[in-house]
Amino acid sequence: MQYLTFALLMLAPLFASATVKPVDLVVVYKSKHLMQLVRDERVVKSYRVVFGDNPKGHKVQQGDERTPEGRYTLDWKNPNSRFYRSIHISYPNATDRARARRLGVNPGGAIMIHGIKPQWQHMEKQLQRMNWTDGCIAVTNREMDEIWALVKTPTPIHIYP
């Protein structure tokens, strides 16, 4: 009986992860380097996140190294991302495209939540202390595994300054 109890305790995390209830909102506060996963209006997980080299302000054009601000959707996942899993943010939306058209610029795209390239794993702690992406939102690979399990697509994401 003792071995059965031990075996069940060891297997419990596997069964729990298979039945995890997904979150219904992701909220990002750029100025706080904070991302929160929300379910039923309650924060269930929080992560320290980093952004592009030029994080202040809303993304306007390709190459500005900014993360967009506003309401978007996490609309698809890439399990084979070069940055260890990624979840796409629906930037640019119609407003972003219209602004870029008025300015005569390309709004850019391919904005994601992602982990770290496997070959950069030895630099993980340093990378989480600096803004290094081209406008994406980066977390550690372990955190990306958690986010991957908790975020289904589509899920709204609200990104604040």
Protein backbone atom coordinates (compact mmCIF):
# COMPACT_ATOMS: atom_id res chain seq x y z
CA MET A 1 0.00 0.00 0.00
CA GLN A 2 2.85 2.34 0.83
CA TYR A 3 4.35 1.88 -2.67
CA LEU A 4 0.98 2.53 -4.30
CA THR A 5 0.59 5.78 -2.37
CA PHE A 6 4.11 6.83 -3.36
CA ALA A 7 3.43 6.00 -7.03
CA LEU A 8 0.19 7.98 -7.02
CA LEU A 9 1.92 10.96 -5.45
CA MET A 10 4.64 10.83 -8.10
CA LEU A 11 2.11 10.63 -10.95
CA ALA A 12 -0.24 13.31 -9.61
CA PRO A 13 1.55 16.23 -11.34
CA LEU A 14 1.16 14.48 -14.70
CA PHE A 15 -2.58 14.13 -14.27
CA ALA A 16 -2.92 17.66 -12.89
CA SER A 17 -1.14 19.21 -15.87
CA ALA A 18 -3.42 17.35 -18.27
CA THR A 19 -6.51 18.87 -16.66
CA VAL A 20 -5.29 22.43 -16.07
CA LYS A 21 -8.02 24.95 -16.71
CA PRO A 22 -6.77 27.53 -19.22
CA VAL A 23 -6.57 31.21 -18.44
CA ASP A 24 -8.99 33.64 -20.10
CA LEU A 25 -6.79 36.77 -20.25
CA VAL A 26 -3.11 37.73 -20.36
CA VAL A 27 -2.14 41.18 -19.05
CA VAL A 28 1.25 42.82 -19.58
CA TYR A 29 2.56 45.93 -17.81
CA LYS A 30 5.61 47.04 -19.78
CA SER A 31 6.82 49.59 -17.21
CA LYS A 32 6.79 46.90 -14.50
CA HIS A 33 8.23 44.12 -16.72
CA LEU A 34 5.26 42.07 -15.56
CA MET A 35 2.99 39.58 -17.31
CA GLN A 36 -0.01 38.13 -15.50
CA LEU A 37 -2.15 35.16 -16.49
CA VAL A 38 -5.75 35.72 -15.39
CA ARG A 39 -8.62 33.27 -14.94
CA ASP A 40 -12.07 34.39 -13.79
CA GLU A 41 -10.69 37.87 -12.96
CA ARG A 42 -8.00 36.44 -10.65
CA VAL A 43 -4.26 36.39 -11.32
CA VAL A 44 -3.13 32.76 -11.36
CA LYS A 45 0.51 33.28 -12.44
CA SER A 46 2.89 36.24 -12.78
CA TYR A 47 6.17 36.45 -14.68
CA ARG A 48 8.99 38.91 -15.03
CA VAL A 49 9.26 39.64 -18.76
CA VAL A 50 11.59 41.55 -21.04
CA PHE A 51 10.95 43.39 -24.28
CA GLY A 52 12.76 44.95 -27.22
CA ASP A 53 15.76 47.25 -26.96
CA ASN A 54 13.46 50.30 -27.25
CA PRO A 55 10.53 49.35 -25.01
CA LYS A 56 8.88 52.71 -24.29
CA GLY A 57 5.89 53.61 -26.40
CA HIS A 58 3.63 51.74 -28.78
CA LYS A 59 5.05 49.83 -31.73
CA VAL A 60 4.68 51.95 -34.87
CA GLN A 61 6.87 50.37 -37.49
CA GLN A 62 9.00 47.39 -38.35
CA GLY A 63 12.44 47.64 -36.75
CA ASP A 64 11.53 50.10 -33.96
CA GLU A 65 12.16 47.32 -31.38
CA ARG A 66 9.00 48.21 -29.46
CA THR A 67 6.28 45.96 -28.11
CA PRO A 68 2.77 47.06 -29.11
CA GLU A 69 0.40 48.48 -26.51
CA GLY A 70 -3.33 47.86 -26.52
CA ARG A 71 -5.77 44.98 -26.82
CA TYR A 72 -4.80 42.07 -29.03
CA THR A 73 -5.34 38.33 -29.24
CA LEU A 74 -2.96 35.44 -28.72
CA ASP A 75 -4.08 33.72 -31.89
CA TRP A 76 -1.72 30.82 -32.70
CA LYS A 77 1.19 28.84 -31.29
CA ASN A 78 4.48 27.79 -32.85
CA PRO A 79 5.96 24.73 -31.09
CA ASN A 80 9.07 24.87 -33.33
CA SER A 81 9.99 28.52 -32.81
CA ARG A 82 13.67 29.44 -33.00
CA PHE A 83 13.16 31.04 -29.57
CA TYR A 84 11.82 27.89 -27.87
CA ARG A 85 8.07 27.93 -28.37
CA SER A 86 6.18 31.06 -29.22
CA ILE A 87 2.63 32.37 -29.05
CA HIS A 88 1.68 34.97 -31.66
CA ILE A 89 0.19 38.36 -30.71
CA SER A 90 -2.30 39.65 -33.32
CA TYR A 91 -0.35 42.85 -34.01
CA PRO A 92 -0.88 44.78 -36.29
CA ASN A 93 -4.60 45.32 -35.99
CA ALA A 94 -6.63 47.60 -38.30
CA THR A 95 -5.74 50.72 -36.28
CA ASP A 96 -2.03 49.87 -36.36
CA ARG A 97 -2.13 49.31 -40.13
CA ALA A 98 -3.97 52.61 -40.70
CA ARG A 99 -1.44 54.51 -38.56
CA ALA A 100 1.46 52.95 -40.44
CA ARG A 101 -0.20 53.78 -43.78
CA ARG A 102 -0.61 57.45 -42.71
CA LEU A 103 3.06 57.54 -41.72
CA GLY A 104 4.19 55.73 -44.86
CA VAL A 105 5.87 52.92 -42.90
CA ASN A 106 5.60 49.15 -42.59
CA PRO A 107 3.90 48.32 -39.24
CA GLY A 108 5.93 45.13 -38.85
CA GLY A 109 4.55 41.98 -37.28
CA ALA A 110 5.61 38.58 -35.94
CA ILE A 111 5.29 39.82 -32.34
CA MET A 112 5.33 36.87 -29.96
CA ILE A 113 5.60 35.71 -26.39
CA HIS A 114 8.56 33.34 -26.47
CA GLY A 115 11.34 31.64 -24.57
CA ILE A 116 15.09 31.70 -25.15
CA LYS A 117 17.03 30.03 -27.93
CA PRO A 118 18.30 26.68 -26.64
CA GLN A 119 21.91 27.67 -27.41
CA TRP A 120 21.45 30.73 -25.13
CA GLN A 121 20.34 28.72 -22.07
CA HIS A 122 23.64 29.42 -20.27
CA MET A 123 22.81 33.18 -20.46
CA GLU A 124 19.22 32.88 -19.23
CA LYS A 125 19.71 34.90 -16.02
CA GLN A 126 21.46 37.74 -17.83
CA LEU A 127 18.85 37.83 -20.60
CA GLN A 128 16.02 38.18 -18.07
CA ARG A 129 17.66 41.36 -16.72
CA MET A 130 17.81 43.25 -20.04
CA ASN A 131 15.56 44.11 -22.97
CA TRP A 132 16.93 42.14 -25.90
CA THR A 133 14.10 41.14 -28.25
CA ASP A 134 13.04 42.95 -31.42
CA GLY A 135 9.70 43.83 -29.83
CA CYS A 136 8.53 40.47 -28.53
CA ILE A 137 7.86 39.48 -24.92
CA ALA A 138 10.45 37.03 -23.57
CA VAL A 139 10.38 34.66 -20.60
CA THR A 140 12.54 31.73 -19.53
CA ASN A 141 11.96 28.39 -21.21
CA ARG A 142 10.59 26.84 -18.01
CA GLU A 143 8.13 29.73 -17.76
CA MET A 144 7.26 29.33 -21.45
CA ASP A 145 6.32 25.71 -20.74
CA GLU A 146 3.90 26.89 -18.03
CA ILE A 147 2.46 29.62 -20.23
CA TRP A 148 2.11 27.17 -23.13
CA ALA A 149 0.03 24.85 -20.93
CA LEU A 150 -2.17 27.62 -19.49
CA VAL A 151 -2.82 29.74 -22.60
CA LYS A 152 -5.06 28.32 -25.31
CA THR A 153 -5.70 30.14 -28.57
CA PRO A 154 -7.46 32.43 -29.01
CA THR A 155 -6.95 34.31 -25.71
CA PRO A 156 -7.10 38.11 -25.29
CA ILE A 157 -3.93 39.94 -24.29
CA HIS A 158 -3.94 43.51 -22.95
CA ILE A 159 -0.58 45.27 -23.10
CA TYR A 160 -0.20 48.46 -21.03
CA PRO A 161 2.66 51.00 -21.03
